[in-house]
Amino acid sequence: MGVIKKKTVTRGTEGGVKYVCDVCSADITSTVRIRCAHQICNEYDLCVPCFSAGESSRDHDPRTHSYLVIEQHSIPIYTKDWGADEELLLLEGGESYGLGSWADIADHIGGYRTRDEVRDHYNKTYIESSKFPLPEHASPDDRSLIDEVPREKFQARKKRRIEERKEAAKSAPPAAPKQKPTASVPACHEIQGYMPGRLEFETEFANEAEEAVQHMQFDPGDGLNPRTGEIEPEMELKMVVMDIYNSRLTARTERKRIIFEHNLLEYRKNAALDKKRTKEERDLLNKAKPFARMTNHHDFEEFCNGLEYEHNLRQAIAQLQDWRQMGIGDLKGGEKYEQEKQQRAQRPAPTGSFDRLASMRPNKPTPPVETPSATTALTAPELPIRLQQNGIHTPVSPNSRSPNNNNDRVLTNGHANGTLTPQSGKSRYIIQPIPGAQPLKLNNENATDLHLLTKEEQELCSVLRIMPKPYLVIKEQLLKEAMKQGGNLKRKVARDVCKIDVTKSGRIFDFFVHSGWISKG
């Protein structure tokens, strides 16, 4: 576009609106520039060399597009020290940022104009003018300032002023950091939830106290029985509720008084003081904090200083007694003893040959003992064998039995009595992939129940694109249905129980049959 609105961080710098050539990106702010007047080119500027060479970019066509020659408006029109370009930027900044935001308007004008200078110029030129709301020299025929201060003289004066202020800005000390505003919002204070403008907290003590009285009404003449002249029970109840509310307000005010009186809102200052204390001193002062409710700030500070002094005295006495037991009779010997004591504490403990061997021996972690649960007993691979032990005879294929499995042992998912049991050497089940479906990449992050499945089940879920949790539900329903029918299950019944795609339910049924969990009905 050719226009860069430079918003500087430091107040009072050059800033202002910068113009660059859209072809060579040269700075053409302080020189003559050519602007395209065609409606397609919005704010398209060229420098004089690029325009004379016929250069173009984007949608600009120098052969057919009309153009405007824009010169510098560095001529005085209203006052001797403000040019027409600065007056235009002043009005643009006031429209963009609002009158009163003089620092932002000064940044918009640039040229090292300060906010006080911009404010005084606006008030003197526009507000205090005898032709308000127009300036004094607002007439197009008024050329008195232009004739008095020629263009060359005004531009030289402006350049000299900018150079002087630039040198002064370089030698000036760094500006103080911007202070945090003290607006009455919870985010404008170092204590979260505190509103300094209202001296209140976002969540007060007994914050729900107003809920009991928010709908309570007192009308003139209420509360007295006209016949007996006694107070009605409803009015007595209201007064009791008001007394409770007033007591809560009193407690809230008392807590605020303690916070303000003891400077508890100065969190950073108090935290810096706590860092200078030892852990024992911090613990001691924390135990003394309840006494702050009973004393003023000065007395409480003296009380805490006395506790710290007593604590230091006790430590010094204990240290002197330790020195006396060691036969030390002067301070110099005590200091030497403390240094050597610290060195001995930092020195590693000596180790013998057996200790070195023990430290070099790797420690093998004890494997956790897995106790069979009811769920693992239900989903065990040898389900038909256990059904036969309970008196239910189910036909089991020879391939599903293992020569190492005995019928007098209860096996739970490959575990017997909490230890691993060698599995049979049967052939591995090959899961047929689903056409047009990519297998899922399951891990412990996207599938939290993956550790509950065996490797074959994990591969089955990956190929069939089923998450572990729904698969466990399907598995439980199929095994329950198989137990009802004596271990036998038909493919159609399994399909109705699964309630999923026919192909997926068939793959799951074949896998269960191959694993020996159910038999074909």
Protein backbone atom coordinates (compact mmCIF):
# COMPACT_ATOMS: atom_id res chain seq x y z
CA MET A 1 0.00 0.00 0.00
CA GLY A 2 2.97 2.31 0.51
CA VAL A 3 1.86 3.56 3.97
CA ILE A 4 3.36 2.36 7.23
CA LYS A 5 1.83 3.65 10.45
CA LYS A 6 4.82 3.42 12.74
CA LYS A 7 3.73 3.08 16.37
CA THR A 8 6.79 3.53 18.56
CA VAL A 9 7.14 2.28 22.10
CA THR A 10 9.11 5.23 23.51
CA ARG A 11 7.23 8.49 23.74
CA GLY A 12 8.60 11.55 21.95
CA THR A 13 10.49 9.88 19.06
CA GLU A 14 10.25 10.41 15.32
CA GLY A 15 7.32 8.05 14.79
CA GLY A 16 4.54 9.34 12.56
CA VAL A 17 3.29 8.03 9.21
CA LYS A 18 5.99 6.71 6.87
CA TYR A 19 5.67 6.38 3.09
CA VAL A 20 7.71 3.87 1.10
CA CYS A 21 7.97 3.19 -2.60
CA ASP A 22 5.92 0.13 -3.62
CA VAL A 23 8.61 -0.92 -6.11
CA CYS A 24 12.01 -0.32 -4.48
CA SER A 25 10.78 0.14 -0.86
CA ALA A 26 12.72 3.38 -0.50
CA ASP A 27 11.65 5.85 2.19
CA ILE A 28 9.85 8.73 0.43
CA THR A 29 8.35 10.35 3.52
CA SER A 30 10.40 13.54 3.29
CA THR A 31 10.46 13.95 -0.49
CA VAL A 32 8.14 14.21 -3.49
CA ARG A 33 6.19 11.08 -4.26
CA ILE A 34 3.88 9.95 -7.07
CA ARG A 35 0.54 8.42 -6.04
CA CYS A 36 -1.63 6.42 -8.44
CA ALA A 37 -5.12 7.89 -8.74
CA HIS A 38 -6.73 4.80 -10.28
CA GLN A 39 -9.39 3.05 -8.19
CA ILE A 40 -7.63 -0.33 -8.48
CA CYS A 41 -4.45 0.95 -6.82
CA ASN A 42 -5.25 1.88 -3.26
CA GLU A 43 -2.56 4.05 -1.63
CA TYR A 44 0.02 3.08 -4.28
CA ASP A 45 3.09 5.34 -4.06
CA LEU A 46 6.23 5.54 -6.21
CA CYS A 47 9.47 7.42 -5.85
CA VAL A 48 10.51 9.79 -8.63
CA PRO A 49 13.26 7.51 -10.09
CA CYS A 50 10.90 4.51 -10.31
CA PHE A 51 8.16 6.64 -11.84
CA SER A 52 10.52 8.11 -14.46
CA ALA A 53 11.76 4.60 -15.35
CA GLY A 54 8.18 3.32 -15.80
CA GLU A 55 8.50 0.69 -13.03
CA SER A 56 5.34 -0.97 -11.69
CA SER A 57 4.16 -3.83 -9.48
CA ARG A 58 0.92 -5.67 -8.75
CA ASP A 59 -2.04 -4.21 -10.69
CA HIS A 60 -0.49 -0.82 -11.42
CA ASP A 61 -0.19 0.07 -15.13
CA PRO A 62 1.78 3.30 -15.64
CA ARG A 63 0.63 3.56 -19.27
CA THR A 64 -3.08 3.98 -18.51
CA HIS A 65 -3.41 4.91 -14.81
CA SER A 66 -3.63 8.54 -13.83
CA TYR A 67 -1.43 9.84 -11.03
CA LEU A 68 -0.95 12.67 -8.55
CA VAL A 69 2.27 14.47 -7.65
CA ILE A 70 2.32 14.90 -3.88
CA GLU A 71 4.79 17.36 -2.46
CA GLN A 72 5.74 17.98 1.15
CA HIS A 73 3.31 20.19 3.06
CA SER A 74 6.07 21.48 5.34
CA ILE A 75 4.77 25.03 5.28
CA PRO A 76 3.24 26.97 8.16
CA ILE A 77 -0.49 27.63 7.86
CA TYR A 78 -1.80 28.23 11.42
CA THR A 79 1.36 28.86 13.50
CA LYS A 80 5.02 29.56 12.68
CA ASP A 81 6.40 26.32 14.16
CA TRP A 82 3.77 23.81 12.93
CA GLY A 83 3.56 22.72 9.31
CA ALA A 84 0.48 21.75 7.33
CA ASP A 85 1.52 18.07 7.37
CA GLU A 86 1.73 18.11 11.18
CA GLU A 87 -1.66 19.83 11.46
CA LEU A 88 -3.18 17.08 9.28
CA LEU A 89 -1.58 14.34 11.38
CA LEU A 90 -2.84 16.06 14.55
CA LEU A 91 -6.42 15.92 13.31
CA GLU A 92 -6.02 12.30 12.14
CA GLY A 93 -4.58 11.27 15.50
CA GLY A 94 -7.39 12.98 17.39
CA GLU A 95 -9.93 11.14 15.25
CA SER A 96 -8.18 7.78 15.68
CA TYR A 97 -7.22 7.89 19.37
CA GLY A 98 -9.63 10.47 20.74
CA LEU A 99 -8.94 13.95 22.10
CA GLY A 100 -7.14 13.59 25.41
CA SER A 101 -4.85 10.74 24.32
CA TRP A 102 -2.08 13.26 23.68
CA ALA A 103 0.76 10.74 24.04
CA ASP A 104 -0.71 8.53 21.30
CA ILE A 105 -1.41 11.58 19.10
CA ALA A 106 2.19 12.76 19.58
CA ASP A 107 3.45 9.33 18.48
CA HIS A 108 1.19 9.56 15.44
CA ILE A 109 2.61 12.98 14.48
CA GLY A 110 6.26 12.05 15.07
CA GLY A 111 9.08 14.56 14.71
CA TYR A 112 9.86 14.27 18.44
CA ARG A 113 6.71 16.13 19.40
CA THR A 114 5.80 15.72 23.10
CA ARG A 115 2.32 15.23 24.47
CA ASP A 116 2.39 18.55 26.36
CA GLU A 117 3.46 20.36 23.21
CA VAL A 118 0.67 18.75 21.18
CA ARG A 119 -1.94 19.50 23.85
CA ASP A 120 -0.92 23.14 24.24
CA HIS A 121 -0.86 23.66 20.46
CA TYR A 122 -4.33 22.16 20.03
CA ASN A 123 -5.84 24.25 22.83
CA LYS A 124 -4.18 27.48 21.69
CA THR A 125 -4.83 27.03 17.95
CA TYR A 126 -8.27 25.45 17.88
CA ILE A 127 -9.99 25.93 21.24
CA GLU A 128 -8.84 29.46 22.15
CA SER A 129 -9.28 30.81 18.62
CA SER A 130 -11.51 33.85 18.12
CA LYS A 131 -12.98 32.04 15.09
CA PHE A 132 -13.76 28.85 17.03
CA PRO A 133 -14.09 26.11 15.90
CA LEU A 134 -11.76 27.31 13.09
CA PRO A 135 -8.19 28.53 13.67
CA GLU A 136 -7.18 32.17 13.25
CA HIS A 137 -5.60 31.72 9.80
CA ALA A 138 -8.17 29.25 8.46
CA SER A 139 -9.04 31.32 5.41
CA PRO A 140 -7.63 29.92 2.11
CA ASP A 141 -6.62 33.46 1.08
CA ASP A 142 -4.56 34.02 4.23
CA ARG A 143 -0.92 33.59 3.16
CA SER A 144 0.68 35.79 5.80
CA LEU A 145 2.56 32.95 7.54
CA ILE A 146 3.72 31.44 4.24
CA ASP A 147 5.12 34.77 3.13
CA GLU A 148 6.71 35.43 6.52
CA VAL A 149 8.35 31.98 6.82
CA PRO A 150 9.28 30.54 3.38
CA ARG A 151 9.30 26.81 2.72
CA GLU A 152 13.09 26.45 2.71
CA LYS A 153 13.50 28.35 5.98
CA PHE A 154 10.71 26.42 7.68
CA GLN A 155 12.09 23.01 6.58
CA ALA A 156 15.59 23.92 7.73
CA ARG A 157 14.23 25.02 11.10
CA LYS A 158 12.23 21.78 11.40
CA LYS A 159 15.26 19.66 10.53
CA ARG A 160 17.39 21.50 13.09
CA ARG A 161 14.73 21.02 15.75
CA ILE A 162 14.50 17.26 15.07
CA GLU A 163 18.29 16.87 15.18
CA GLU A 164 18.55 18.74 18.49
CA ARG A 165 15.81 16.68 20.11
CA LYS A 166 17.31 13.46 18.76
CA GLU A 167 20.65 14.26 20.37
CA ALA A 168 18.93 15.23 23.59
CA ALA A 169 17.00 11.92 23.59
CA LYS A 170 20.25 9.96 23.19
CA SER A 171 21.93 11.66 26.15
CA ALA A 172 18.82 11.61 28.35
CA PRO A 173 18.58 9.00 31.13
CA PRO A 174 16.33 5.98 30.46
CA ALA A 175 12.68 6.61 31.01
CA ALA A 176 11.01 5.16 34.07
CA PRO A 177 8.90 2.07 33.43
CA LYS A 178 5.24 2.63 32.94
CA GLN A 179 3.34 2.31 36.20
CA LYS A 180 0.47 -0.10 36.49
CA PRO A 181 -2.90 1.64 36.34
CA THR A 182 -4.90 1.74 39.54
CA ALA A 183 -8.22 0.92 37.95
CA SER A 184 -10.89 -0.66 40.11
CA VAL A 185 -10.64 -4.10 38.54
CA PRO A 186 -9.23 -7.32 40.05
CA ALA A 187 -6.42 -7.52 37.42
CA CYS A 188 -4.75 -4.20 38.36
CA HIS A 189 -3.17 -5.19 41.68
CA GLU A 190 -0.48 -7.59 42.83
CA ILE A 191 -3.05 -9.34 45.03
CA GLN A 192 -5.37 -11.30 42.78
CA GLY A 193 -9.02 -10.41 43.23
CA TYR A 194 -8.42 -7.07 45.01
CA MET A 195 -10.02 -3.91 43.57
CA PRO A 196 -7.99 -0.90 44.84
CA GLY A 197 -10.42 1.74 43.63
CA ARG A 198 -13.25 0.29 45.72
CA LEU A 199 -11.12 -1.15 48.56
CA GLU A 200 -12.94 -4.43 48.10
CA PHE A 201 -12.17 -7.98 47.08
CA GLU A 202 -13.77 -9.92 44.29
CA THR A 203 -14.68 -12.59 46.84
CA GLU A 204 -15.33 -11.11 50.25
CA PHE A 205 -15.50 -12.82 53.62
CA ALA A 206 -18.96 -14.41 53.96
CA ASN A 207 -19.55 -13.58 50.30
CA GLU A 208 -23.04 -15.10 50.36
CA ALA A 209 -24.23 -12.99 53.33
CA GLU A 210 -26.28 -10.65 51.10
CA GLU A 211 -28.30 -13.54 49.67
CA ALA A 212 -30.31 -13.85 52.90
CA VAL A 213 -31.49 -10.21 52.83
CA GLN A 214 -31.63 -9.41 49.11
CA HIS A 215 -35.40 -9.98 48.87
CA MET A 216 -36.31 -8.72 52.36
CA GLN A 217 -38.71 -5.74 52.51
CA PHE A 218 -39.69 -3.43 55.35
CA ASP A 219 -42.85 -1.38 54.75
CA PRO A 220 -44.14 1.30 57.12
CA GLY A 221 -46.48 -0.15 59.71
CA ASP A 222 -45.29 -3.75 59.25
CA GLY A 223 -44.36 -5.89 62.20
CA LEU A 224 -46.98 -4.74 64.74
CA ASN A 225 -50.21 -6.56 65.31
CA PRO A 226 -52.98 -3.87 65.27
CA ARG A 227 -55.10 -5.81 67.78
CA THR A 228 -52.54 -6.75 70.40
CA GLY A 229 -49.80 -4.24 69.61
CA GLU A 230 -47.12 -6.93 69.81
CA ILE A 231 -44.39 -7.63 67.27
CA GLU A 232 -45.37 -10.33 64.81
CA PRO A 233 -43.23 -13.50 64.56
CA GLU A 234 -42.37 -12.73 60.94
CA MET A 235 -40.89 -9.38 61.94
CA GLU A 236 -38.93 -11.01 64.75
CA LEU A 237 -37.51 -13.49 62.24
CA LYS A 238 -36.51 -10.64 59.90
CA MET A 239 -34.76 -8.84 62.74
CA VAL A 240 -32.84 -11.99 63.66
CA VAL A 241 -31.75 -12.39 60.04
CA MET A 242 -30.67 -8.73 59.95
CA ASP A 243 -28.66 -9.20 63.16
CA ILE A 244 -26.87 -12.17 61.59
CA TYR A 245 -26.18 -10.15 58.46
CA ASN A 246 -24.82 -7.21 60.46
CA SER A 247 -22.55 -9.53 62.45
CA ARG A 248 -21.13 -10.89 59.21
CA LEU A 249 -20.56 -7.38 57.91
CA THR A 250 -18.79 -6.52 61.15
CA ALA A 251 -16.54 -9.57 60.80
CA ARG A 252 -15.82 -8.64 57.16
CA THR A 253 -14.90 -5.08 58.15
CA GLU A 254 -12.67 -6.32 60.95
CA ARG A 255 -10.74 -8.58 58.60
CA LYS A 256 -10.28 -5.74 56.12
CA ARG A 257 -9.00 -3.51 58.90
CA ILE A 258 -6.38 -6.10 59.82
CA ILE A 259 -5.32 -6.45 56.17
CA PHE A 260 -4.96 -2.70 55.64
CA GLU A 261 -3.35 -1.97 59.01
CA HIS A 262 -0.67 -4.64 58.74
CA ASN A 263 0.10 -3.90 55.04
CA LEU A 264 -0.78 -7.42 53.93
CA LEU A 265 -1.65 -6.14 50.44
CA GLU A 266 2.03 -5.36 49.76
CA TYR A 267 2.67 -8.92 48.67
CA ARG A 268 5.95 -8.37 46.82
CA LYS A 269 7.50 -6.39 49.66
CA ASN A 270 6.49 -9.00 52.23
CA ALA A 271 7.72 -11.84 50.00
CA ALA A 272 11.10 -10.12 49.59
CA LEU A 273 11.42 -9.80 53.37
CA ASP A 274 10.51 -13.47 53.86
CA LYS A 275 13.24 -14.56 51.47
CA LYS A 276 15.85 -12.89 53.68
CA ARG A 277 14.77 -14.91 56.70
CA THR A 278 15.70 -18.50 57.48
CA LYS A 279 13.19 -21.32 57.44
CA GLU A 280 13.06 -21.42 61.25
CA GLU A 281 12.36 -17.68 61.42
CA ARG A 282 9.59 -17.94 58.82
CA ASP A 283 7.94 -20.79 60.72
CA LEU A 284 8.18 -18.83 63.96
CA LEU A 285 6.60 -15.70 62.45
CA ASN A 286 3.85 -17.74 60.80
CA LYS A 287 2.92 -19.12 64.21
CA ALA A 288 2.79 -15.58 65.60
CA LYS A 289 0.47 -14.21 62.89
CA PRO A 290 -2.79 -14.89 64.84
CA PHE A 291 -1.65 -12.31 67.42
CA ALA A 292 -1.84 -9.61 64.74
CA ARG A 293 -5.62 -9.49 65.23
CA MET A 294 -5.12 -8.41 68.85
CA THR A 295 -2.46 -5.70 68.40
CA ASN A 296 -1.73 -2.77 66.13
CA HIS A 297 0.94 -2.84 63.47
CA HIS A 298 3.67 -1.16 65.54
CA ASP A 299 3.23 -3.45 68.53
CA PHE A 300 3.09 -6.52 66.33
CA GLU A 301 6.35 -5.52 64.59
CA GLU A 302 8.07 -5.12 67.95
CA PHE A 303 6.67 -8.46 69.08
CA CYS A 304 7.99 -10.22 65.94
CA ASN A 305 11.40 -8.55 66.28
CA GLY A 306 11.58 -9.75 69.88
CA LEU A 307 10.75 -13.30 68.82
CA GLU A 308 13.47 -13.22 66.16
CA TYR A 309 15.98 -11.85 68.69
CA GLU A 310 15.08 -14.57 71.18
CA HIS A 311 15.38 -17.24 68.50
CA ASN A 312 18.85 -15.99 67.51
CA LEU A 313 19.93 -15.89 71.15
CA ARG A 314 18.82 -19.48 71.70
CA GLN A 315 20.74 -20.59 68.63
CA ALA A 316 23.86 -18.74 69.80
CA ILE A 317 23.59 -20.27 73.30
CA ALA A 318 23.20 -23.75 71.83
CA GLN A 319 26.27 -23.17 69.64
CA LEU A 320 28.37 -21.96 72.60
CA GLN A 321 27.33 -24.99 74.65
CA ASP A 322 28.37 -27.23 71.77
CA TRP A 323 31.77 -25.51 71.63
CA ARG A 324 32.23 -25.95 75.39
CA GLN A 325 31.56 -29.67 75.12
CA MET A 326 34.23 -29.86 72.42
CA GLY A 327 36.74 -28.03 74.63
CA ILE A 328 36.74 -24.80 72.60
CA GLY A 329 37.36 -21.69 74.69
CA ASP A 330 37.65 -18.79 72.22
CA LEU A 331 35.76 -17.46 69.17
CA LYS A 332 38.60 -18.10 66.76
CA GLY A 333 38.66 -21.78 67.63
CA GLY A 334 34.89 -21.92 67.36
CA GLU A 335 34.94 -20.46 63.85
CA LYS A 336 37.58 -22.99 62.81
CA TYR A 337 35.48 -25.80 64.31
CA GLU A 338 32.40 -24.70 62.39
CA GLN A 339 34.34 -24.59 59.10
CA GLU A 340 35.75 -28.07 59.62
CA LYS A 341 32.34 -29.34 60.69
CA GLN A 342 30.84 -28.04 57.46
CA GLN A 343 33.62 -29.63 55.41
CA ARG A 344 33.07 -32.99 57.12
CA ALA A 345 29.34 -32.77 56.40
CA GLN A 346 30.01 -32.18 52.70
CA ARG A 347 32.57 -34.98 52.50
CA PRO A 348 31.10 -38.32 51.20
CA ALA A 349 30.96 -41.18 53.68
CA PRO A 350 33.79 -43.76 53.34
CA THR A 351 32.82 -47.10 51.84
CA GLY A 352 34.44 -50.49 52.32
CA SER A 353 35.00 -53.22 49.77
CA PHE A 354 31.68 -54.90 50.52
CA ASP A 355 29.85 -51.57 50.34
CA ARG A 356 31.37 -50.85 46.93
CA LEU A 357 30.36 -54.26 45.65
CA ALA A 358 26.84 -53.76 46.97
CA SER A 359 26.58 -50.37 45.32
CA MET A 360 27.82 -51.76 42.00
CA ARG A 361 25.33 -54.65 42.04
CA PRO A 362 22.26 -53.75 39.99
CA ASN A 363 19.02 -53.80 41.91
CA LYS A 364 16.39 -55.80 40.11
CA PRO A 365 12.90 -54.54 40.76
CA THR A 366 10.57 -57.07 42.32
CA PRO A 367 7.86 -58.00 39.82
CA PRO A 368 4.40 -57.08 41.05
CA VAL A 369 2.14 -59.92 42.06
CA GLU A 370 -0.98 -59.95 39.95
CA THR A 371 -4.00 -61.22 41.79
CA PRO A 372 -6.79 -62.57 39.57
CA SER A 373 -9.98 -60.55 39.67
CA ALA A 374 -13.53 -61.44 38.73
CA THR A 375 -13.16 -59.73 35.36
CA THR A 376 -10.01 -61.63 34.41
CA ALA A 377 -11.61 -64.86 35.54
CA LEU A 378 -14.57 -64.16 33.26
CA THR A 379 -12.40 -63.30 30.24
CA ALA A 380 -9.87 -66.13 30.66
CA PRO A 381 -8.76 -68.01 27.51
CA GLU A 382 -9.70 -71.38 29.08
CA LEU A 383 -13.36 -70.45 29.64
CA PRO A 384 -14.82 -73.70 28.18
CA ILE A 385 -12.50 -75.76 30.46
CA ARG A 386 -13.81 -74.02 33.56
CA LEU A 387 -17.37 -74.45 32.39
CA GLN A 388 -16.75 -78.18 32.19
CA GLN A 389 -15.45 -78.16 35.76
CA ASN A 390 -18.70 -76.54 36.94
CA GLY A 391 -20.74 -79.30 35.31
CA ILE A 392 -21.40 -77.56 32.01
CA HIS A 393 -20.11 -79.63 29.10
CA THR A 394 -19.17 -77.65 26.02
CA PRO A 395 -17.55 -78.96 22.90
CA VAL A 396 -14.06 -77.52 22.62
CA SER A 397 -11.95 -77.83 19.54
CA PRO A 398 -8.69 -79.73 19.97
CA ASN A 399 -6.67 -76.76 18.82
CA SER A 400 -8.01 -74.62 21.65
CA ARG A 401 -6.57 -76.92 24.33
CA SER A 402 -3.01 -76.90 25.44
CA PRO A 403 -1.19 -80.05 26.55
CA ASN A 404 0.23 -78.12 29.48
CA ASN A 405 -3.17 -77.04 30.83
CA ASN A 406 -4.74 -79.23 33.51
CA ASN A 407 -8.46 -79.28 34.22
CA ASP A 408 -7.93 -79.10 37.98
CA ARG A 409 -6.44 -75.59 37.82
CA VAL A 410 -8.36 -72.35 37.47
CA LEU A 411 -6.56 -70.18 34.92
CA THR A 412 -7.18 -66.48 34.61
CA ASN A 413 -6.19 -64.96 31.28
CA GLY A 414 -2.93 -66.89 31.15
CA HIS A 415 -2.23 -66.47 34.89
CA ALA A 416 -2.36 -69.18 37.53
CA ASN A 417 -2.19 -68.21 41.19
CA GLY A 418 -0.92 -64.75 40.24
CA THR A 419 2.04 -66.04 38.12
CA LEU A 420 2.47 -66.33 34.41
CA THR A 421 1.47 -69.67 32.86
CA PRO A 422 3.07 -70.93 29.66
CA GLN A 423 0.63 -70.66 26.79
CA SER A 424 -0.07 -73.36 24.27
CA GLY A 425 1.85 -73.58 21.04
CA LYS A 426 -1.22 -73.12 18.83
CA SER A 427 -1.01 -71.21 15.57
CA ARG A 428 -1.26 -67.43 15.66
CA TYR A 429 -4.54 -65.92 14.47
CA ILE A 430 -4.08 -63.77 11.38
CA ILE A 431 -6.53 -60.87 11.30
CA GLN A 432 -7.81 -60.09 7.84
CA PRO A 433 -7.77 -56.31 7.17
CA ILE A 434 -10.93 -54.46 6.22
CA PRO A 435 -10.85 -53.23 2.62
CA GLY A 436 -10.41 -49.47 2.31
CA ALA A 437 -9.71 -48.90 6.02
CA GLN A 438 -6.34 -47.96 7.46
CA PRO A 439 -5.43 -49.53 10.84
CA LEU A 440 -5.47 -47.29 13.88
CA LYS A 441 -2.23 -46.36 15.63
CA LEU A 442 -3.07 -47.07 19.25
CA ASN A 443 -0.88 -45.96 22.14
CA ASN A 444 -1.30 -45.11 25.80
CA GLU A 445 -2.02 -41.46 24.99
CA ASN A 446 -4.97 -41.84 22.62
CA ALA A 447 -6.23 -45.13 24.12
CA THR A 448 -6.12 -45.13 27.92
CA ASP A 449 -7.39 -48.73 28.27
CA LEU A 450 -4.82 -50.23 25.91
CA HIS A 451 -2.89 -51.91 28.74
CA LEU A 452 -5.92 -54.10 29.53
CA LEU A 453 -5.61 -55.95 26.20
CA THR A 454 -3.23 -58.64 25.06
CA LYS A 455 -1.01 -58.08 22.04
CA GLU A 456 -3.39 -60.06 19.80
CA GLU A 457 -6.33 -58.01 21.03
CA GLN A 458 -4.43 -54.78 20.47
CA GLU A 459 -3.71 -55.84 16.90
CA LEU A 460 -7.38 -56.79 16.43
CA CYS A 461 -8.57 -53.37 17.64
CA SER A 462 -6.03 -51.62 15.43
CA VAL A 463 -7.05 -53.49 12.27
CA LEU A 464 -10.81 -53.22 12.96
CA ARG A 465 -10.48 -49.54 14.03
CA ILE A 466 -12.14 -50.13 17.40
CA MET A 467 -11.03 -48.36 20.57
CA PRO A 468 -10.14 -50.58 23.56
CA LYS A 469 -13.02 -49.49 25.79
CA PRO A 470 -15.84 -50.36 23.31
CA TYR A 471 -14.02 -53.62 22.53
CA LEU A 472 -14.02 -54.61 26.21
CA VAL A 473 -17.76 -53.96 26.38
CA ILE A 474 -18.36 -56.14 23.31
CA LYS A 475 -16.13 -58.84 24.76
CA GLU A 476 -18.02 -58.88 28.04
CA GLN A 477 -21.43 -59.12 26.31
CA LEU A 478 -20.29 -61.96 24.03
CA LEU A 479 -18.85 -63.99 26.89
CA LYS A 480 -21.97 -63.48 29.01
CA GLU A 481 -24.13 -64.67 26.12
CA ALA A 482 -21.81 -67.66 25.61
CA MET A 483 -22.09 -68.63 29.30
CA LYS A 484 -25.88 -68.56 29.05
CA GLN A 485 -25.75 -71.02 26.12
CA GLY A 486 -23.14 -73.32 27.63
CA GLY A 487 -20.13 -71.88 25.84
CA ASN A 488 -21.66 -72.16 22.35
CA LEU A 489 -22.50 -69.11 20.28
CA LYS A 490 -23.77 -68.70 16.77
CA ARG A 491 -22.37 -66.11 14.41
CA LYS A 492 -25.80 -64.52 13.95
CA VAL A 493 -26.29 -64.18 17.70
CA ALA A 494 -22.83 -62.65 18.04
CA ARG A 495 -23.71 -60.21 15.29
CA ASP A 496 -26.86 -59.14 17.15
CA VAL A 497 -24.99 -58.77 20.42
CA CYS A 498 -22.18 -56.66 18.94
CA LYS A 499 -24.50 -54.25 17.12
CA ILE A 500 -21.66 -53.04 14.88
CA ASP A 501 -20.58 -53.60 11.30
CA VAL A 502 -21.12 -57.20 10.03
CA THR A 503 -17.52 -57.54 8.89
CA LYS A 504 -16.10 -56.34 12.21
CA SER A 505 -18.42 -58.54 14.27
CA GLY A 506 -17.41 -61.54 12.14
CA ARG A 507 -13.71 -60.85 12.69
CA ILE A 508 -14.27 -60.58 16.44
CA PHE A 509 -16.29 -63.84 16.47
CA ASP A 510 -13.57 -65.74 14.59
CA PHE A 511 -10.91 -64.35 16.92
CA PHE A 512 -12.85 -65.49 20.01
CA VAL A 513 -13.35 -68.97 18.55
CA HIS A 514 -9.67 -69.26 17.64
CA SER A 515 -8.67 -68.14 21.15
CA GLY A 516 -10.90 -70.82 22.70
CA TRP A 517 -13.10 -68.40 24.59
CA ILE A 518 -16.29 -69.56 22.84
CA SER A 519 -17.31 -72.41 20.54
CA LYS A 520 -19.28 -72.26 17.33
CA GLY A 521 -22.88 -73.14 17.88
